[in-house]
Amino acid sequence: MRRAAPRLLSVAALGVLLVGCSEVTETVDQVENAGDKASACTKALGIVDLNPNIDPQQAAEQAGTKATELRELAEQTANTEVQQTLNTMAESYATLDQRAGEQLSNFDSWLQQSLANLENLRKACT
């Protein structure tokens, strides 16, 4: 019976240690996810780069590349809200890319939608 007591204490101590390790692992995961989220948001803002004086033709010419970059970034992002927003933004650019041969008569509506997507990204990133 006396031999069993040290073993029980060892098992109990190991259990406490493992619980502590899981809490540390969870905290590390949360910090990594926050860093991943911040990194993805920063990269996305660099890709999108919308400004009020945007040239419709230039935007259309770059749309395919931006759509691809946003999709790739979404695949690398662990945060599902940011991932969904990036995919929505990528689809918007893909739509513009498909209409690049047209006269871009709907560019203003595309730009308004893109600005709304950018606002959604801002919300997802905060």
N, C-alpha and C. Protein backbone atom coordinates (compact mmCIF):
# COMPACT_ATOMS: atom_id res chain seq x y z
N MET A 1 0.82 -1.18 0.00
CA MET A 1 0.00 0.00 0.00
C MET A 1 0.86 1.24 0.00
N ARG A 2 2.00 1.18 0.73
CA ARG A 2 2.87 2.35 0.79
C ARG A 2 3.54 2.61 -0.56
N ARG A 3 3.76 1.58 -1.34
CA ARG A 3 4.37 1.74 -2.65
C ARG A 3 3.39 2.37 -3.64
N ALA A 4 2.15 2.14 -3.45
CA ALA A 4 1.13 2.67 -4.34
C ALA A 4 0.95 4.19 -4.18
N ALA A 5 1.17 4.70 -2.98
CA ALA A 5 0.98 6.13 -2.71
C ALA A 5 1.90 7.00 -3.56
N PRO A 6 3.22 6.70 -3.64
CA PRO A 6 4.07 7.54 -4.49
C PRO A 6 3.66 7.48 -5.97
N ARG A 7 3.21 6.32 -6.40
CA ARG A 7 2.78 6.19 -7.79
C ARG A 7 1.53 7.03 -8.05
N LEU A 8 0.60 7.00 -7.11
CA LEU A 8 -0.61 7.80 -7.25
C LEU A 8 -0.26 9.29 -7.28
N LEU A 9 0.65 9.69 -6.43
CA LEU A 9 1.08 11.08 -6.42
C LEU A 9 1.76 11.45 -7.74
N SER A 10 2.54 10.55 -8.28
CA SER A 10 3.22 10.80 -9.55
C SER A 10 2.20 10.94 -10.68
N VAL A 11 1.22 10.06 -10.69
CA VAL A 11 0.17 10.12 -11.71
C VAL A 11 -0.62 11.41 -11.58
N ALA A 12 -0.94 11.79 -10.36
CA ALA A 12 -1.69 13.03 -10.13
C ALA A 12 -0.87 14.24 -10.57
N ALA A 13 0.42 14.24 -10.24
CA ALA A 13 1.29 15.36 -10.65
C ALA A 13 1.39 15.42 -12.16
N LEU A 14 1.49 14.26 -12.81
CA LEU A 14 1.56 14.23 -14.27
C LEU A 14 0.27 14.78 -14.88
N GLY A 15 -0.86 14.44 -14.27
CA GLY A 15 -2.14 14.95 -14.74
C GLY A 15 -2.21 16.46 -14.66
N VAL A 16 -1.74 17.03 -13.54
CA VAL A 16 -1.72 18.48 -13.38
C VAL A 16 -0.79 19.11 -14.41
N LEU A 17 0.34 18.48 -14.63
CA LEU A 17 1.29 18.99 -15.62
C LEU A 17 0.68 19.00 -17.02
N LEU A 18 0.00 17.91 -17.38
CA LEU A 18 -0.61 17.82 -18.71
C LEU A 18 -1.70 18.85 -18.89
N VAL A 19 -2.49 19.10 -17.87
CA VAL A 19 -3.53 20.13 -17.94
C VAL A 19 -2.87 21.49 -18.17
N GLY A 20 -1.81 21.76 -17.44
CA GLY A 20 -1.07 23.01 -17.62
C GLY A 20 -0.51 23.13 -19.02
N CYS A 21 0.01 22.03 -19.55
CA CYS A 21 0.57 22.05 -20.91
C CYS A 21 -0.51 22.35 -21.95
N SER A 22 -1.69 21.77 -21.76
CA SER A 22 -2.75 22.02 -22.74
C SER A 22 -3.18 23.48 -22.71
N GLU A 23 -3.18 24.09 -21.52
CA GLU A 23 -3.52 25.52 -21.43
C GLU A 23 -2.46 26.36 -22.11
N VAL A 24 -1.21 26.00 -21.93
CA VAL A 24 -0.12 26.73 -22.60
C VAL A 24 -0.24 26.56 -24.10
N THR A 25 -0.50 25.34 -24.56
CA THR A 25 -0.65 25.08 -25.99
C THR A 25 -1.81 25.88 -26.57
N GLU A 26 -2.91 25.94 -25.84
CA GLU A 26 -4.08 26.71 -26.29
C GLU A 26 -3.74 28.19 -26.40
N THR A 27 -3.03 28.72 -25.43
CA THR A 27 -2.63 30.13 -25.46
C THR A 27 -1.69 30.40 -26.64
N VAL A 28 -0.74 29.51 -26.86
CA VAL A 28 0.18 29.66 -28.00
C VAL A 28 -0.60 29.64 -29.31
N ASP A 29 -1.56 28.71 -29.43
CA ASP A 29 -2.38 28.65 -30.64
C ASP A 29 -3.15 29.94 -30.86
N GLN A 30 -3.70 30.51 -29.78
CA GLN A 30 -4.45 31.76 -29.90
C GLN A 30 -3.54 32.89 -30.37
N VAL A 31 -2.34 32.95 -29.84
CA VAL A 31 -1.39 33.99 -30.24
C VAL A 31 -0.98 33.80 -31.70
N GLU A 32 -0.73 32.55 -32.11
CA GLU A 32 -0.37 32.28 -33.50
C GLU A 32 -1.52 32.65 -34.44
N ASN A 33 -2.76 32.32 -34.05
CA ASN A 33 -3.91 32.66 -34.89
C ASN A 33 -4.07 34.17 -35.01
N ALA A 34 -3.83 34.89 -33.93
CA ALA A 34 -3.92 36.35 -33.97
C ALA A 34 -2.86 36.91 -34.90
N GLY A 35 -1.65 36.35 -34.83
CA GLY A 35 -0.58 36.78 -35.73
C GLY A 35 -0.90 36.45 -37.17
N ASP A 36 -1.47 35.27 -37.40
CA ASP A 36 -1.88 34.86 -38.73
C ASP A 36 -2.94 35.80 -39.27
N LYS A 37 -3.89 36.15 -38.43
CA LYS A 37 -4.97 37.05 -38.82
C LYS A 37 -4.42 38.43 -39.18
N ALA A 38 -3.56 38.96 -38.33
CA ALA A 38 -2.98 40.28 -38.58
C ALA A 38 -2.14 40.27 -39.84
N SER A 39 -1.38 39.22 -40.04
CA SER A 39 -0.54 39.11 -41.24
C SER A 39 -1.40 39.03 -42.50
N ALA A 40 -2.44 38.22 -42.45
CA ALA A 40 -3.34 38.09 -43.61
C ALA A 40 -4.02 39.41 -43.92
N CYS A 41 -4.45 40.12 -42.89
CA CYS A 41 -5.13 41.40 -43.10
C CYS A 41 -4.19 42.43 -43.72
N THR A 42 -2.97 42.46 -43.23
CA THR A 42 -1.98 43.40 -43.77
C THR A 42 -1.67 43.09 -45.23
N LYS A 43 -1.48 41.81 -45.53
CA LYS A 43 -1.19 41.40 -46.91
C LYS A 43 -2.37 41.73 -47.83
N ALA A 44 -3.59 41.48 -47.33
CA ALA A 44 -4.78 41.74 -48.14
C ALA A 44 -4.89 43.23 -48.49
N LEU A 45 -4.61 44.08 -47.52
CA LEU A 45 -4.67 45.52 -47.78
C LEU A 45 -3.64 45.93 -48.83
N GLY A 46 -2.50 45.26 -48.82
CA GLY A 46 -1.48 45.54 -49.83
C GLY A 46 -1.90 45.09 -51.21
N ILE A 47 -2.65 44.00 -51.28
CA ILE A 47 -3.12 43.49 -52.57
C ILE A 47 -4.23 44.37 -53.13
N VAL A 48 -5.18 44.72 -52.30
CA VAL A 48 -6.37 45.45 -52.76
C VAL A 48 -6.03 46.86 -53.20
N ASP A 49 -5.43 47.64 -52.35
CA ASP A 49 -4.96 48.98 -52.70
C ASP A 49 -5.96 49.80 -53.50
N LEU A 50 -7.17 49.96 -52.96
CA LEU A 50 -8.18 50.79 -53.63
C LEU A 50 -7.99 52.25 -53.23
N ASN A 51 -8.11 53.13 -54.19
CA ASN A 51 -8.06 54.56 -53.89
C ASN A 51 -9.11 55.26 -54.75
N PRO A 52 -9.50 56.46 -54.37
CA PRO A 52 -10.59 57.15 -55.08
C PRO A 52 -10.26 57.48 -56.53
N ASN A 53 -9.00 57.57 -56.87
CA ASN A 53 -8.61 57.94 -58.24
C ASN A 53 -8.22 56.72 -59.08
N ILE A 54 -8.77 55.58 -58.75
CA ILE A 54 -8.41 54.35 -59.44
C ILE A 54 -8.83 54.41 -60.92
N ASP A 55 -7.94 53.98 -61.78
CA ASP A 55 -8.20 53.94 -63.21
C ASP A 55 -8.92 52.63 -63.53
N PRO A 56 -10.13 52.68 -64.08
CA PRO A 56 -10.89 51.46 -64.34
C PRO A 56 -10.14 50.45 -65.22
N GLN A 57 -9.48 50.94 -66.25
CA GLN A 57 -8.77 50.04 -67.14
C GLN A 57 -7.60 49.35 -66.42
N GLN A 58 -6.87 50.11 -65.65
CA GLN A 58 -5.75 49.56 -64.90
C GLN A 58 -6.25 48.54 -63.87
N ALA A 59 -7.35 48.86 -63.19
CA ALA A 59 -7.92 47.94 -62.21
C ALA A 59 -8.32 46.63 -62.88
N ALA A 60 -8.93 46.73 -64.06
CA ALA A 60 -9.35 45.53 -64.78
C ALA A 60 -8.15 44.69 -65.22
N GLU A 61 -7.08 45.36 -65.62
CA GLU A 61 -5.88 44.65 -66.07
C GLU A 61 -5.22 43.89 -64.92
N GLN A 62 -5.32 44.40 -63.71
CA GLN A 62 -4.68 43.79 -62.54
C GLN A 62 -5.63 42.84 -61.78
N ALA A 63 -6.88 42.79 -62.20
CA ALA A 63 -7.90 42.06 -61.44
C ALA A 63 -7.61 40.56 -61.33
N GLY A 64 -7.17 39.94 -62.41
CA GLY A 64 -6.90 38.50 -62.38
C GLY A 64 -5.80 38.15 -61.40
N THR A 65 -4.74 38.94 -61.41
CA THR A 65 -3.62 38.72 -60.49
C THR A 65 -4.07 38.91 -59.05
N LYS A 66 -4.84 39.96 -58.81
CA LYS A 66 -5.30 40.23 -57.45
C LYS A 66 -6.25 39.14 -56.96
N ALA A 67 -7.11 38.64 -57.85
CA ALA A 67 -8.02 37.56 -57.47
C ALA A 67 -7.22 36.32 -57.04
N THR A 68 -6.20 35.98 -57.82
CA THR A 68 -5.36 34.83 -57.49
C THR A 68 -4.63 35.02 -56.16
N GLU A 69 -4.06 36.21 -55.96
CA GLU A 69 -3.33 36.48 -54.72
C GLU A 69 -4.25 36.42 -53.50
N LEU A 70 -5.47 36.94 -53.64
CA LEU A 70 -6.42 36.91 -52.52
C LEU A 70 -6.86 35.47 -52.21
N ARG A 71 -7.06 34.66 -53.25
CA ARG A 71 -7.43 33.25 -53.03
C ARG A 71 -6.30 32.50 -52.33
N GLU A 72 -5.08 32.73 -52.78
CA GLU A 72 -3.93 32.07 -52.16
C GLU A 72 -3.79 32.48 -50.70
N LEU A 73 -4.00 33.75 -50.43
CA LEU A 73 -3.92 34.25 -49.06
C LEU A 73 -5.02 33.63 -48.20
N ALA A 74 -6.22 33.50 -48.76
CA ALA A 74 -7.33 32.88 -48.03
C ALA A 74 -7.00 31.43 -47.66
N GLU A 75 -6.35 30.72 -48.57
CA GLU A 75 -5.98 29.33 -48.31
C GLU A 75 -4.97 29.22 -47.17
N GLN A 76 -4.16 30.24 -46.99
CA GLN A 76 -3.11 30.23 -45.96
C GLN A 76 -3.61 30.75 -44.61
N THR A 77 -4.83 31.24 -44.57
CA THR A 77 -5.36 31.90 -43.37
C THR A 77 -6.20 30.92 -42.56
N ALA A 78 -5.92 30.86 -41.26
CA ALA A 78 -6.66 29.96 -40.38
C ALA A 78 -8.00 30.55 -39.93
N ASN A 79 -8.09 31.86 -39.82
CA ASN A 79 -9.30 32.51 -39.34
C ASN A 79 -10.39 32.42 -40.42
N THR A 80 -11.49 31.74 -40.11
CA THR A 80 -12.51 31.50 -41.12
C THR A 80 -13.22 32.77 -41.57
N GLU A 81 -13.41 33.71 -40.67
CA GLU A 81 -14.08 34.97 -41.05
C GLU A 81 -13.22 35.76 -42.05
N VAL A 82 -11.93 35.84 -41.77
CA VAL A 82 -11.01 36.52 -42.68
C VAL A 82 -10.93 35.75 -43.99
N GLN A 83 -10.89 34.43 -43.89
CA GLN A 83 -10.81 33.59 -45.08
C GLN A 83 -12.01 33.81 -46.00
N GLN A 84 -13.20 33.83 -45.43
CA GLN A 84 -14.41 34.05 -46.22
C GLN A 84 -14.42 35.43 -46.87
N THR A 85 -13.99 36.43 -46.13
CA THR A 85 -13.94 37.79 -46.66
C THR A 85 -12.94 37.87 -47.82
N LEU A 86 -11.79 37.24 -47.66
CA LEU A 86 -10.79 37.25 -48.74
C LEU A 86 -11.32 36.55 -49.99
N ASN A 87 -12.04 35.45 -49.80
CA ASN A 87 -12.61 34.75 -50.95
C ASN A 87 -13.68 35.59 -51.65
N THR A 88 -14.47 36.33 -50.87
CA THR A 88 -15.47 37.23 -51.46
C THR A 88 -14.79 38.32 -52.27
N MET A 89 -13.71 38.86 -51.72
CA MET A 89 -12.96 39.90 -52.43
C MET A 89 -12.34 39.33 -53.71
N ALA A 90 -11.83 38.11 -53.62
CA ALA A 90 -11.24 37.46 -54.80
C ALA A 90 -12.29 37.28 -55.90
N GLU A 91 -13.49 36.88 -55.51
CA GLU A 91 -14.57 36.71 -56.50
C GLU A 91 -14.91 38.03 -57.17
N SER A 92 -14.89 39.10 -56.41
CA SER A 92 -15.18 40.42 -56.97
C SER A 92 -14.14 40.79 -58.03
N TYR A 93 -12.87 40.53 -57.71
CA TYR A 93 -11.81 40.81 -58.69
C TYR A 93 -11.91 39.88 -59.90
N ALA A 94 -12.30 38.62 -59.67
CA ALA A 94 -12.46 37.68 -60.78
C ALA A 94 -13.57 38.16 -61.72
N THR A 95 -14.63 38.68 -61.14
CA THR A 95 -15.73 39.23 -61.95
C THR A 95 -15.24 40.39 -62.80
N LEU A 96 -14.47 41.27 -62.20
CA LEU A 96 -13.93 42.41 -62.94
C LEU A 96 -12.99 41.92 -64.04
N ASP A 97 -12.20 40.90 -63.75
CA ASP A 97 -11.28 40.35 -64.74
C ASP A 97 -12.05 39.78 -65.92
N GLN A 98 -13.16 39.13 -65.67
CA GLN A 98 -13.97 38.55 -66.74
C GLN A 98 -14.61 39.63 -67.61
N ARG A 99 -14.86 40.80 -67.02
CA ARG A 99 -15.47 41.89 -67.77
C ARG A 99 -14.44 42.85 -68.34
N ALA A 100 -13.16 42.52 -68.23
CA ALA A 100 -12.10 43.44 -68.65
C ALA A 100 -12.22 43.80 -70.13
N GLY A 101 -12.70 42.88 -70.93
CA GLY A 101 -12.84 43.16 -72.36
C GLY A 101 -14.03 44.07 -72.67
N GLU A 102 -14.95 44.14 -71.74
CA GLU A 102 -16.11 45.02 -71.95
C GLU A 102 -15.70 46.46 -71.65
N GLN A 103 -16.62 47.35 -71.76
CA GLN A 103 -16.31 48.76 -71.56
C GLN A 103 -16.37 49.19 -70.10
N LEU A 104 -16.50 48.23 -69.22
CA LEU A 104 -16.53 48.51 -67.78
C LEU A 104 -17.61 49.53 -67.41
N SER A 105 -18.76 49.38 -68.02
CA SER A 105 -19.85 50.31 -67.74
C SER A 105 -20.34 50.19 -66.30
N ASN A 106 -20.11 49.06 -65.70
CA ASN A 106 -20.55 48.86 -64.32
C ASN A 106 -19.40 49.03 -63.33
N PHE A 107 -18.36 49.72 -63.71
CA PHE A 107 -17.20 49.85 -62.84
C PHE A 107 -17.55 50.53 -61.53
N ASP A 108 -18.40 51.54 -61.56
CA ASP A 108 -18.78 52.23 -60.34
C ASP A 108 -19.45 51.29 -59.34
N SER A 109 -20.32 50.42 -59.84
CA SER A 109 -20.97 49.47 -58.92
C SER A 109 -19.95 48.45 -58.41
N TRP A 110 -19.00 48.04 -59.26
CA TRP A 110 -17.95 47.14 -58.81
C TRP A 110 -17.11 47.81 -57.73
N LEU A 111 -16.78 49.07 -57.94
CA LEU A 111 -15.97 49.81 -56.98
C LEU A 111 -16.71 49.95 -55.65
N GLN A 112 -18.00 50.24 -55.68
CA GLN A 112 -18.79 50.35 -54.45
C GLN A 112 -18.82 49.01 -53.71
N GLN A 113 -18.99 47.92 -54.46
CA GLN A 113 -18.99 46.59 -53.85
C GLN A 113 -17.62 46.27 -53.24
N SER A 114 -16.57 46.66 -53.93
CA SER A 114 -15.21 46.42 -53.44
C SER A 114 -14.94 47.21 -52.16
N LEU A 115 -15.45 48.42 -52.11
CA LEU A 115 -15.31 49.22 -50.89
C LEU A 115 -16.08 48.59 -49.73
N ALA A 116 -17.24 48.03 -50.02
CA ALA A 116 -18.02 47.33 -48.99
C ALA A 116 -17.26 46.08 -48.53
N ASN A 117 -16.63 45.37 -49.47
CA ASN A 117 -15.83 44.20 -49.12
C ASN A 117 -14.64 44.61 -48.25
N LEU A 118 -14.06 45.73 -48.58
CA LEU A 118 -12.93 46.23 -47.80
C LEU A 118 -13.36 46.56 -46.37
N GLU A 119 -14.54 47.12 -46.23
CA GLU A 119 -15.09 47.41 -44.90
C GLU A 119 -15.33 46.10 -44.13
N ASN A 120 -15.81 45.07 -44.83
CA ASN A 120 -16.01 43.77 -44.19
C ASN A 120 -14.68 43.17 -43.75
N LEU A 121 -13.65 43.38 -44.54
CA LEU A 121 -12.31 42.91 -44.16
C LEU A 121 -11.84 43.64 -42.90
N ARG A 122 -12.06 44.94 -42.88
CA ARG A 122 -11.66 45.72 -41.70
C ARG A 122 -12.35 45.18 -40.45
N LYS A 123 -13.63 44.88 -40.56
CA LYS A 123 -14.38 44.34 -39.42
C LYS A 123 -13.85 42.96 -39.02
N ALA A 124 -13.55 42.13 -40.00
CA ALA A 124 -13.05 40.79 -39.71
C ALA A 124 -11.66 40.83 -39.08
N CYS A 125 -10.93 41.88 -39.39
CA CYS A 125 -9.55 41.99 -38.91
C CYS A 125 -9.44 42.64 -37.54
N THR A 126 -10.53 43.17 -37.03
CA THR A 126 -10.46 43.81 -35.71
C THR A 126 -11.00 42.90 -34.63
